[in-house]
Amino acid sequence: MPRLIAAVAAVILFTLPALAAPDTPAPAERKPGERSRAGMMRYDTNNDGVVDRAEWTAGQEARFKQLDTDRDGKLSRDELFARTPAAGGNVLPSDAQVERQSTYFRRLDTDGNGFIGKPEFLAGAERNFVRCDGDKDGRITSPECRQALRRKPTEPATAR
């Protein structure tokens, strides 16, 4: 059970970026009333406070392109995890972090060829969108995703 929880956490960690984008202003630099552009909300291109499926897909396609540093149309393990900080500020990832990354990579690499193609990457992103869209309205918010992350992957969303 702990491995399942760790695997799910890794999937969510790597597919729903929790870290601010490099171009995200620090909180002190934001204008009053301006929404955070961190995490999944960086994909909210029309600034309406929600991420719809089109925004999510466009954001994930851009993310794939950004991660594919050698521009070969597929992600190696190194490309996928190059920007992932090591746990606890260490230089190298912990054994547990390496295990979570391996589990996540195997989950995305559905054809088992040792690389993640764009269709595989986008399929993983779609699974996460569906999981976060608790009310099934085709739009996700930060609170909705936080609630989804508290549920087990097989546990259904509850109506609000």
N, C-alpha and C. Protein backbone atom coordinates (compact mmCIF):
# COMPACT_ATOMS: atom_id res chain seq x y z
N MET A 1 0.81 -1.19 0.00
CA MET A 1 0.00 0.00 0.00
C MET A 1 0.86 1.26 0.00
N PRO A 2 1.93 1.33 0.83
CA PRO A 2 2.78 2.53 0.78
C PRO A 2 3.40 2.74 -0.60
N ARG A 3 3.73 1.65 -1.30
CA ARG A 3 4.30 1.80 -2.64
C ARG A 3 3.28 2.38 -3.60
N LEU A 4 2.03 1.94 -3.47
CA LEU A 4 0.97 2.46 -4.33
C LEU A 4 0.80 3.95 -4.08
N ILE A 5 0.78 4.34 -2.83
CA ILE A 5 0.64 5.76 -2.48
C ILE A 5 1.83 6.54 -3.03
N ALA A 6 3.03 6.00 -2.88
CA ALA A 6 4.22 6.68 -3.39
C ALA A 6 4.17 6.80 -4.91
N ALA A 7 3.72 5.74 -5.58
CA ALA A 7 3.64 5.77 -7.05
C ALA A 7 2.63 6.81 -7.50
N VAL A 8 1.49 6.86 -6.85
CA VAL A 8 0.46 7.84 -7.20
C VAL A 8 0.98 9.25 -6.94
N ALA A 9 1.64 9.43 -5.82
CA ALA A 9 2.20 10.75 -5.51
C ALA A 9 3.22 11.16 -6.56
N ALA A 10 4.04 10.23 -7.01
CA ALA A 10 5.03 10.53 -8.03
C ALA A 10 4.37 10.93 -9.34
N VAL A 11 3.33 10.19 -9.72
CA VAL A 11 2.62 10.52 -10.95
C VAL A 11 2.07 11.93 -10.88
N ILE A 12 1.45 12.23 -9.79
CA ILE A 12 0.85 13.55 -9.64
C ILE A 12 1.92 14.62 -9.56
N LEU A 13 2.98 14.34 -8.85
CA LEU A 13 4.07 15.31 -8.71
C LEU A 13 4.64 15.69 -10.05
N PHE A 14 4.86 14.70 -10.91
CA PHE A 14 5.53 14.97 -12.17
C PHE A 14 4.60 15.39 -13.28
N THR A 15 3.30 15.11 -13.18
CA THR A 15 2.40 15.50 -14.24
C THR A 15 1.58 16.72 -13.92
N LEU A 16 1.45 17.03 -12.71
CA LEU A 16 0.83 18.28 -12.29
C LEU A 16 1.90 19.10 -11.60
N PRO A 17 2.66 19.85 -12.38
CA PRO A 17 3.82 20.54 -11.82
C PRO A 17 3.43 21.39 -10.63
N ALA A 18 4.08 21.11 -9.53
CA ALA A 18 3.81 21.86 -8.32
C ALA A 18 4.76 23.03 -8.16
N LEU A 19 5.80 23.02 -8.94
CA LEU A 19 6.78 24.10 -8.84
C LEU A 19 6.40 25.23 -9.78
N ALA A 20 6.70 26.42 -9.40
CA ALA A 20 6.40 27.57 -10.25
C ALA A 20 7.24 27.52 -11.50
N ALA A 21 6.68 28.01 -12.58
CA ALA A 21 7.42 28.10 -13.83
C ALA A 21 8.56 29.09 -13.65
N PRO A 22 9.65 28.92 -14.43
CA PRO A 22 10.77 29.83 -14.29
C PRO A 22 10.38 31.29 -14.49
N ASP A 23 9.35 31.54 -15.32
CA ASP A 23 8.96 32.93 -15.56
C ASP A 23 7.86 33.40 -14.61
N THR A 24 7.55 32.64 -13.59
CA THR A 24 6.53 33.01 -12.63
C THR A 24 7.09 34.05 -11.67
N PRO A 25 6.44 35.20 -11.56
CA PRO A 25 6.95 36.20 -10.63
C PRO A 25 6.83 35.73 -9.19
N ALA A 26 7.75 36.15 -8.40
CA ALA A 26 7.68 35.87 -6.96
C ALA A 26 6.47 36.59 -6.40
N PRO A 27 5.89 36.08 -5.30
CA PRO A 27 4.69 36.71 -4.75
C PRO A 27 4.83 38.22 -4.55
N ALA A 28 5.97 38.68 -4.13
CA ALA A 28 6.16 40.11 -3.90
C ALA A 28 6.13 40.89 -5.19
N GLU A 29 6.44 40.24 -6.33
CA GLU A 29 6.47 40.93 -7.61
C GLU A 29 5.11 40.97 -8.29
N ARG A 30 4.14 40.17 -7.81
CA ARG A 30 2.82 40.16 -8.40
C ARG A 30 2.06 41.42 -8.03
N LYS A 31 1.23 41.84 -8.96
CA LYS A 31 0.37 42.98 -8.70
C LYS A 31 -0.76 42.56 -7.76
N PRO A 32 -1.27 43.47 -6.95
CA PRO A 32 -2.37 43.12 -6.05
C PRO A 32 -3.55 42.56 -6.85
N GLY A 33 -4.10 41.45 -6.37
CA GLY A 33 -5.24 40.83 -7.03
C GLY A 33 -4.89 39.91 -8.18
N GLU A 34 -3.61 39.90 -8.58
CA GLU A 34 -3.19 39.03 -9.68
C GLU A 34 -3.12 37.59 -9.20
N ARG A 35 -3.62 36.67 -10.01
CA ARG A 35 -3.63 35.25 -9.66
C ARG A 35 -2.23 34.65 -9.79
N SER A 36 -1.99 33.61 -8.99
CA SER A 36 -0.73 32.89 -9.05
C SER A 36 -0.63 32.15 -10.39
N ARG A 37 0.55 32.13 -10.95
CA ARG A 37 0.78 31.42 -12.21
C ARG A 37 1.59 30.15 -11.94
N ALA A 38 1.54 29.66 -10.73
CA ALA A 38 2.29 28.47 -10.35
C ALA A 38 1.47 27.22 -10.59
N GLY A 39 2.15 26.09 -10.61
CA GLY A 39 1.49 24.81 -10.73
C GLY A 39 0.58 24.74 -11.94
N MET A 40 -0.53 24.05 -11.79
CA MET A 40 -1.43 23.85 -12.91
C MET A 40 -2.05 25.16 -13.41
N MET A 41 -2.10 26.18 -12.57
CA MET A 41 -2.72 27.44 -12.97
C MET A 41 -1.88 28.19 -14.02
N ARG A 42 -0.66 27.76 -14.25
CA ARG A 42 0.13 28.39 -15.32
C ARG A 42 -0.50 28.12 -16.68
N TYR A 43 -1.36 27.09 -16.75
CA TYR A 43 -2.03 26.76 -18.01
C TYR A 43 -3.32 27.55 -18.22
N ASP A 44 -3.71 28.36 -17.25
CA ASP A 44 -4.92 29.18 -17.35
C ASP A 44 -4.61 30.41 -18.22
N THR A 45 -4.60 30.21 -19.52
CA THR A 45 -4.16 31.26 -20.43
C THR A 45 -5.13 32.43 -20.54
N ASN A 46 -6.41 32.21 -20.27
CA ASN A 46 -7.36 33.33 -20.33
C ASN A 46 -7.61 33.96 -18.97
N ASN A 47 -6.88 33.51 -17.94
CA ASN A 47 -6.93 34.09 -16.59
C ASN A 47 -8.32 34.14 -15.98
N ASP A 48 -9.12 33.08 -16.22
CA ASP A 48 -10.46 33.05 -15.63
C ASP A 48 -10.52 32.24 -14.34
N GLY A 49 -9.36 31.78 -13.86
CA GLY A 49 -9.32 31.06 -12.59
C GLY A 49 -9.57 29.56 -12.71
N VAL A 50 -9.76 29.08 -13.93
CA VAL A 50 -9.93 27.64 -14.16
C VAL A 50 -9.08 27.24 -15.36
N VAL A 51 -8.77 25.96 -15.42
CA VAL A 51 -8.06 25.41 -16.58
C VAL A 51 -9.01 24.46 -17.28
N ASP A 52 -9.39 24.81 -18.51
CA ASP A 52 -10.27 23.91 -19.25
C ASP A 52 -9.42 22.89 -20.01
N ARG A 53 -10.08 21.92 -20.60
CA ARG A 53 -9.35 20.84 -21.27
C ARG A 53 -8.46 21.37 -22.39
N ALA A 54 -8.90 22.35 -23.15
CA ALA A 54 -8.09 22.89 -24.24
C ALA A 54 -6.83 23.57 -23.70
N GLU A 55 -6.97 24.34 -22.63
CA GLU A 55 -5.81 24.98 -22.01
C GLU A 55 -4.84 23.93 -21.46
N TRP A 56 -5.40 22.92 -20.80
CA TRP A 56 -4.58 21.85 -20.23
C TRP A 56 -3.78 21.13 -21.32
N THR A 57 -4.47 20.75 -22.40
CA THR A 57 -3.81 20.03 -23.48
C THR A 57 -2.73 20.88 -24.13
N ALA A 58 -3.03 22.15 -24.40
CA ALA A 58 -2.03 23.04 -24.99
C ALA A 58 -0.83 23.19 -24.06
N GLY A 59 -1.08 23.30 -22.77
CA GLY A 59 -0.01 23.43 -21.80
C GLY A 59 0.85 22.18 -21.73
N GLN A 60 0.21 21.01 -21.79
CA GLN A 60 0.96 19.75 -21.74
C GLN A 60 1.76 19.54 -23.02
N GLU A 61 1.22 19.95 -24.17
CA GLU A 61 1.98 19.86 -25.42
C GLU A 61 3.21 20.76 -25.35
N ALA A 62 3.05 21.96 -24.82
CA ALA A 62 4.19 22.88 -24.66
C ALA A 62 5.20 22.31 -23.67
N ARG A 63 4.70 21.70 -22.63
CA ARG A 63 5.59 21.09 -21.62
C ARG A 63 6.39 19.95 -22.23
N PHE A 64 5.75 19.11 -23.04
CA PHE A 64 6.46 18.03 -23.70
C PHE A 64 7.58 18.60 -24.58
N LYS A 65 7.25 19.61 -25.35
CA LYS A 65 8.24 20.25 -26.23
C LYS A 65 9.41 20.80 -25.42
N GLN A 66 9.12 21.40 -24.27
CA GLN A 66 10.16 21.95 -23.41
C GLN A 66 11.04 20.85 -22.83
N LEU A 67 10.44 19.74 -22.43
CA LEU A 67 11.20 18.64 -21.84
C LEU A 67 12.05 17.89 -22.88
N ASP A 68 11.58 17.87 -24.12
CA ASP A 68 12.27 17.15 -25.20
C ASP A 68 13.45 17.97 -25.70
N THR A 69 14.49 18.02 -24.89
CA THR A 69 15.62 18.92 -25.18
C THR A 69 16.41 18.54 -26.42
N ASP A 70 16.42 17.27 -26.80
CA ASP A 70 17.14 16.89 -28.01
C ASP A 70 16.24 16.89 -29.25
N ARG A 71 14.99 17.27 -29.07
CA ARG A 71 14.01 17.44 -30.15
C ARG A 71 13.84 16.20 -31.04
N ASP A 72 13.86 15.01 -30.39
CA ASP A 72 13.67 13.79 -31.16
C ASP A 72 12.25 13.26 -31.09
N GLY A 73 11.35 14.00 -30.45
CA GLY A 73 9.95 13.60 -30.38
C GLY A 73 9.63 12.57 -29.32
N LYS A 74 10.58 12.32 -28.43
CA LYS A 74 10.35 11.37 -27.34
C LYS A 74 11.19 11.81 -26.15
N LEU A 75 10.76 11.37 -24.97
CA LEU A 75 11.45 11.74 -23.74
C LEU A 75 12.21 10.55 -23.19
N SER A 76 13.48 10.78 -22.92
CA SER A 76 14.26 9.78 -22.20
C SER A 76 14.00 10.00 -20.72
N ARG A 77 14.44 9.07 -19.91
CA ARG A 77 14.32 9.21 -18.46
C ARG A 77 15.05 10.48 -18.00
N ASP A 78 16.24 10.72 -18.55
CA ASP A 78 17.01 11.90 -18.16
C ASP A 78 16.29 13.19 -18.52
N GLU A 79 15.67 13.24 -19.71
CA GLU A 79 14.94 14.45 -20.10
C GLU A 79 13.74 14.68 -19.18
N LEU A 80 13.02 13.62 -18.88
CA LEU A 80 11.81 13.76 -18.07
C LEU A 80 12.11 14.28 -16.67
N PHE A 81 13.22 13.83 -16.09
CA PHE A 81 13.51 14.18 -14.70
C PHE A 81 14.64 15.19 -14.53
N ALA A 82 15.12 15.78 -15.60
CA ALA A 82 16.25 16.71 -15.52
C ALA A 82 15.98 17.90 -14.62
N ARG A 83 14.75 18.40 -14.60
CA ARG A 83 14.43 19.59 -13.80
C ARG A 83 13.86 19.24 -12.44
N THR A 84 13.82 17.97 -12.09
CA THR A 84 13.27 17.54 -10.80
C THR A 84 14.33 17.73 -9.73
N PRO A 85 14.06 18.56 -8.74
CA PRO A 85 15.05 18.74 -7.67
C PRO A 85 15.15 17.50 -6.80
N ALA A 86 16.34 17.26 -6.30
CA ALA A 86 16.54 16.14 -5.37
C ALA A 86 15.85 16.46 -4.05
N ALA A 87 15.37 15.44 -3.38
CA ALA A 87 14.69 15.62 -2.11
C ALA A 87 15.64 16.16 -1.05
N GLY A 88 15.15 17.02 -0.23
CA GLY A 88 15.93 17.54 0.89
C GLY A 88 17.09 18.42 0.49
N GLY A 89 17.08 18.94 -0.75
CA GLY A 89 18.15 19.82 -1.19
C GLY A 89 19.45 19.10 -1.48
N ASN A 90 19.42 17.78 -1.56
CA ASN A 90 20.62 17.01 -1.87
C ASN A 90 20.99 17.17 -3.33
N VAL A 91 22.22 16.87 -3.66
CA VAL A 91 22.69 16.93 -5.03
C VAL A 91 22.09 15.78 -5.84
N LEU A 92 22.06 14.61 -5.27
CA LEU A 92 21.52 13.43 -5.94
C LEU A 92 20.18 13.03 -5.33
N PRO A 93 19.29 12.46 -6.15
CA PRO A 93 18.00 12.02 -5.59
C PRO A 93 18.19 10.86 -4.63
N SER A 94 17.30 10.75 -3.67
CA SER A 94 17.33 9.63 -2.73
C SER A 94 16.92 8.35 -3.44
N ASP A 95 17.18 7.22 -2.80
CA ASP A 95 16.78 5.93 -3.37
C ASP A 95 15.27 5.88 -3.57
N ALA A 96 14.53 6.41 -2.61
CA ALA A 96 13.06 6.42 -2.72
C ALA A 96 12.62 7.28 -3.90
N GLN A 97 13.27 8.40 -4.09
CA GLN A 97 12.91 9.28 -5.20
C GLN A 97 13.23 8.59 -6.54
N VAL A 98 14.35 7.93 -6.63
CA VAL A 98 14.72 7.19 -7.85
C VAL A 98 13.68 6.10 -8.12
N GLU A 99 13.24 5.41 -7.08
CA GLU A 99 12.22 4.37 -7.25
C GLU A 99 10.90 4.95 -7.74
N ARG A 100 10.49 6.08 -7.16
CA ARG A 100 9.25 6.73 -7.61
C ARG A 100 9.36 7.17 -9.07
N GLN A 101 10.51 7.72 -9.43
CA GLN A 101 10.71 8.14 -10.82
C GLN A 101 10.65 6.95 -11.77
N SER A 102 11.28 5.85 -11.37
CA SER A 102 11.27 4.64 -12.21
C SER A 102 9.84 4.12 -12.38
N THR A 103 9.10 4.09 -11.30
CA THR A 103 7.71 3.63 -11.36
C THR A 103 6.89 4.53 -12.28
N TYR A 104 7.05 5.82 -12.12
CA TYR A 104 6.33 6.78 -12.95
C TYR A 104 6.70 6.62 -14.41
N PHE A 105 7.99 6.50 -14.69
CA PHE A 105 8.45 6.36 -16.07
C PHE A 105 7.85 5.10 -16.70
N ARG A 106 7.89 3.98 -15.98
CA ARG A 106 7.32 2.73 -16.50
C ARG A 106 5.83 2.88 -16.76
N ARG A 107 5.14 3.62 -15.90
CA ARG A 107 3.70 3.81 -16.08
C ARG A 107 3.40 4.59 -17.36
N LEU A 108 4.20 5.62 -17.62
CA LEU A 108 3.99 6.41 -18.83
C LEU A 108 4.44 5.67 -20.09
N ASP A 109 5.49 4.88 -20.00
CA ASP A 109 6.06 4.16 -21.14
C ASP A 109 5.23 2.92 -21.43
N THR A 110 4.03 3.14 -21.95
CA THR A 110 3.08 2.04 -22.13
C THR A 110 3.51 1.03 -23.18
N ASP A 111 4.33 1.44 -24.15
CA ASP A 111 4.79 0.47 -25.15
C ASP A 111 6.10 -0.20 -24.75
N GLY A 112 6.68 0.22 -23.62
CA GLY A 112 7.87 -0.43 -23.08
C GLY A 112 9.14 -0.26 -23.91
N ASN A 113 9.21 0.80 -24.72
CA ASN A 113 10.39 0.98 -25.57
C ASN A 113 11.51 1.79 -24.90
N GLY A 114 11.31 2.17 -23.65
CA GLY A 114 12.36 2.92 -22.94
C GLY A 114 12.30 4.42 -23.17
N PHE A 115 11.30 4.89 -23.90
CA PHE A 115 11.10 6.32 -24.14
C PHE A 115 9.62 6.63 -23.99
N ILE A 116 9.32 7.89 -23.75
CA ILE A 116 7.93 8.32 -23.66
C ILE A 116 7.65 9.21 -24.85
N GLY A 117 6.81 8.70 -25.74
CA GLY A 117 6.41 9.49 -26.90
C GLY A 117 5.35 10.51 -26.50
N LYS A 118 5.12 11.45 -27.38
CA LYS A 118 4.13 12.49 -27.10
C LYS A 118 2.74 11.90 -26.81
N PRO A 119 2.27 10.90 -27.57
CA PRO A 119 0.95 10.33 -27.24
C PRO A 119 0.91 9.71 -25.84
N GLU A 120 1.98 9.05 -25.43
CA GLU A 120 2.04 8.47 -24.08
C GLU A 120 2.01 9.57 -23.03
N PHE A 121 2.78 10.62 -23.24
CA PHE A 121 2.84 11.74 -22.31
C PHE A 121 1.47 12.41 -22.17
N LEU A 122 0.83 12.66 -23.33
CA LEU A 122 -0.48 13.31 -23.30
C LEU A 122 -1.56 12.41 -22.70
N ALA A 123 -1.44 11.10 -22.88
CA ALA A 123 -2.41 10.18 -22.26
C ALA A 123 -2.30 10.25 -20.74
N GLY A 124 -1.08 10.33 -20.22
CA GLY A 124 -0.89 10.48 -18.77
C GLY A 124 -1.46 11.80 -18.27
N ALA A 125 -1.25 12.85 -19.04
CA ALA A 125 -1.79 14.16 -18.67
C ALA A 125 -3.32 14.13 -18.67
N GLU A 126 -3.90 13.45 -19.64
CA GLU A 126 -5.36 13.34 -19.71
C GLU A 126 -5.91 12.59 -18.50
N ARG A 127 -5.24 11.52 -18.09
CA ARG A 127 -5.68 10.78 -16.89
C ARG A 127 -5.70 11.71 -15.67
N ASN A 128 -4.70 12.56 -15.56
CA ASN A 128 -4.64 13.47 -14.43
C ASN A 128 -5.72 14.54 -14.51
N PHE A 129 -6.01 15.02 -15.72
CA PHE A 129 -7.09 16.00 -15.87
C PHE A 129 -8.41 15.38 -15.42
N VAL A 130 -8.68 14.18 -15.89
CA VAL A 130 -9.93 13.48 -15.54
C VAL A 130 -10.00 13.28 -14.03
N ARG A 131 -8.89 12.90 -13.43
CA ARG A 131 -8.88 12.68 -11.97
C ARG A 131 -9.18 13.97 -11.22
N CYS A 132 -8.62 15.07 -11.68
CA CYS A 132 -8.81 16.35 -10.99
C CYS A 132 -10.19 16.94 -11.24
N ASP A 133 -10.81 16.59 -12.35
CA ASP A 133 -12.11 17.17 -12.70
C ASP A 133 -13.22 16.45 -11.94
N GLY A 134 -13.25 16.69 -10.63
CA GLY A 134 -14.18 15.99 -9.75
C GLY A 134 -15.64 16.18 -10.11
N ASP A 135 -16.01 17.37 -10.55
CA ASP A 135 -17.43 17.61 -10.88
C ASP A 135 -17.72 17.35 -12.36
N LYS A 136 -16.73 16.91 -13.10
CA LYS A 136 -16.86 16.50 -14.50
C LYS A 136 -17.46 17.60 -15.39
N ASP A 137 -17.03 18.84 -15.13
CA ASP A 137 -17.51 19.94 -15.96
C ASP A 137 -16.52 20.34 -17.05
N GLY A 138 -15.41 19.59 -17.17
CA GLY A 138 -14.42 19.89 -18.20
C GLY A 138 -13.50 21.04 -17.85
N ARG A 139 -13.52 21.44 -16.58
CA ARG A 139 -12.68 22.54 -16.09
C ARG A 139 -12.14 22.14 -14.73
N ILE A 140 -10.87 22.49 -14.46
CA ILE A 140 -10.29 22.16 -13.16
C ILE A 140 -9.76 23.42 -12.49
N THR A 141 -9.80 23.38 -11.17
CA THR A 141 -9.29 24.48 -10.36
C THR A 141 -8.27 23.91 -9.38
N SER A 142 -7.49 24.78 -8.78
CA SER A 142 -6.52 24.33 -7.78
C SER A 142 -7.20 23.61 -6.62
N PRO A 143 -8.28 24.17 -6.04
CA PRO A 143 -8.94 23.44 -4.93
C PRO A 143 -9.48 22.08 -5.36
N GLU A 144 -10.01 21.99 -6.57
CA GLU A 144 -10.54 20.73 -7.07
C GLU A 144 -9.41 19.69 -7.18
N CYS A 145 -8.24 20.13 -7.65
CA CYS A 145 -7.11 19.20 -7.76
C CYS A 145 -6.58 18.82 -6.39
N ARG A 146 -6.54 19.77 -5.46
CA ARG A 146 -6.10 19.43 -4.11
C ARG A 146 -7.00 18.36 -3.51
N GLN A 147 -8.31 18.50 -3.72
CA GLN A 147 -9.25 17.51 -3.22
C GLN A 147 -9.01 16.16 -3.90
N ALA A 148 -8.75 16.17 -5.19
CA ALA A 148 -8.50 14.92 -5.93
C ALA A 148 -7.24 14.24 -5.41
N LEU A 149 -6.24 15.02 -5.05
CA LEU A 149 -4.99 14.44 -4.56
C LEU A 149 -5.16 13.78 -3.20
N ARG A 150 -6.17 14.19 -2.45
CA ARG A 150 -6.44 13.57 -1.15
C ARG A 150 -7.14 12.23 -1.30
N ARG A 151 -7.82 12.03 -2.44
CA ARG A 151 -8.52 10.76 -2.69
C ARG A 151 -7.54 9.73 -3.22
N LYS A 152 -7.84 8.49 -2.97
CA LYS A 152 -7.11 7.40 -3.61
C LYS A 152 -7.51 7.43 -5.09
N PRO A 153 -6.63 7.00 -6.00
CA PRO A 153 -6.95 7.06 -7.42
C PRO A 153 -8.23 6.33 -7.80
N THR A 154 -8.59 5.30 -7.07
CA THR A 154 -9.78 4.52 -7.39
C THR A 154 -11.03 5.03 -6.67
N GLU A 155 -10.87 5.97 -5.75
CA GLU A 155 -11.99 6.49 -4.99
C GLU A 155 -12.74 7.53 -5.82
N PRO A 156 -14.05 7.41 -5.97
CA PRO A 156 -14.78 8.36 -6.80
C PRO A 156 -14.86 9.74 -6.16
N ALA A 157 -15.02 10.73 -7.01
CA ALA A 157 -15.22 12.09 -6.52
C ALA A 157 -16.63 12.18 -5.93
N THR A 158 -16.78 13.02 -4.93
CA THR A 158 -18.09 13.21 -4.33
C THR A 158 -18.68 14.53 -4.83
N ALA A 159 -19.97 14.55 -4.98
CA ALA A 159 -20.64 15.78 -5.42
C ALA A 159 -20.54 16.82 -4.33
N ARG A 160 -20.44 18.05 -4.72
CA ARG A 160 -20.34 19.15 -3.75
C ARG A 160 -21.65 19.76 -3.48
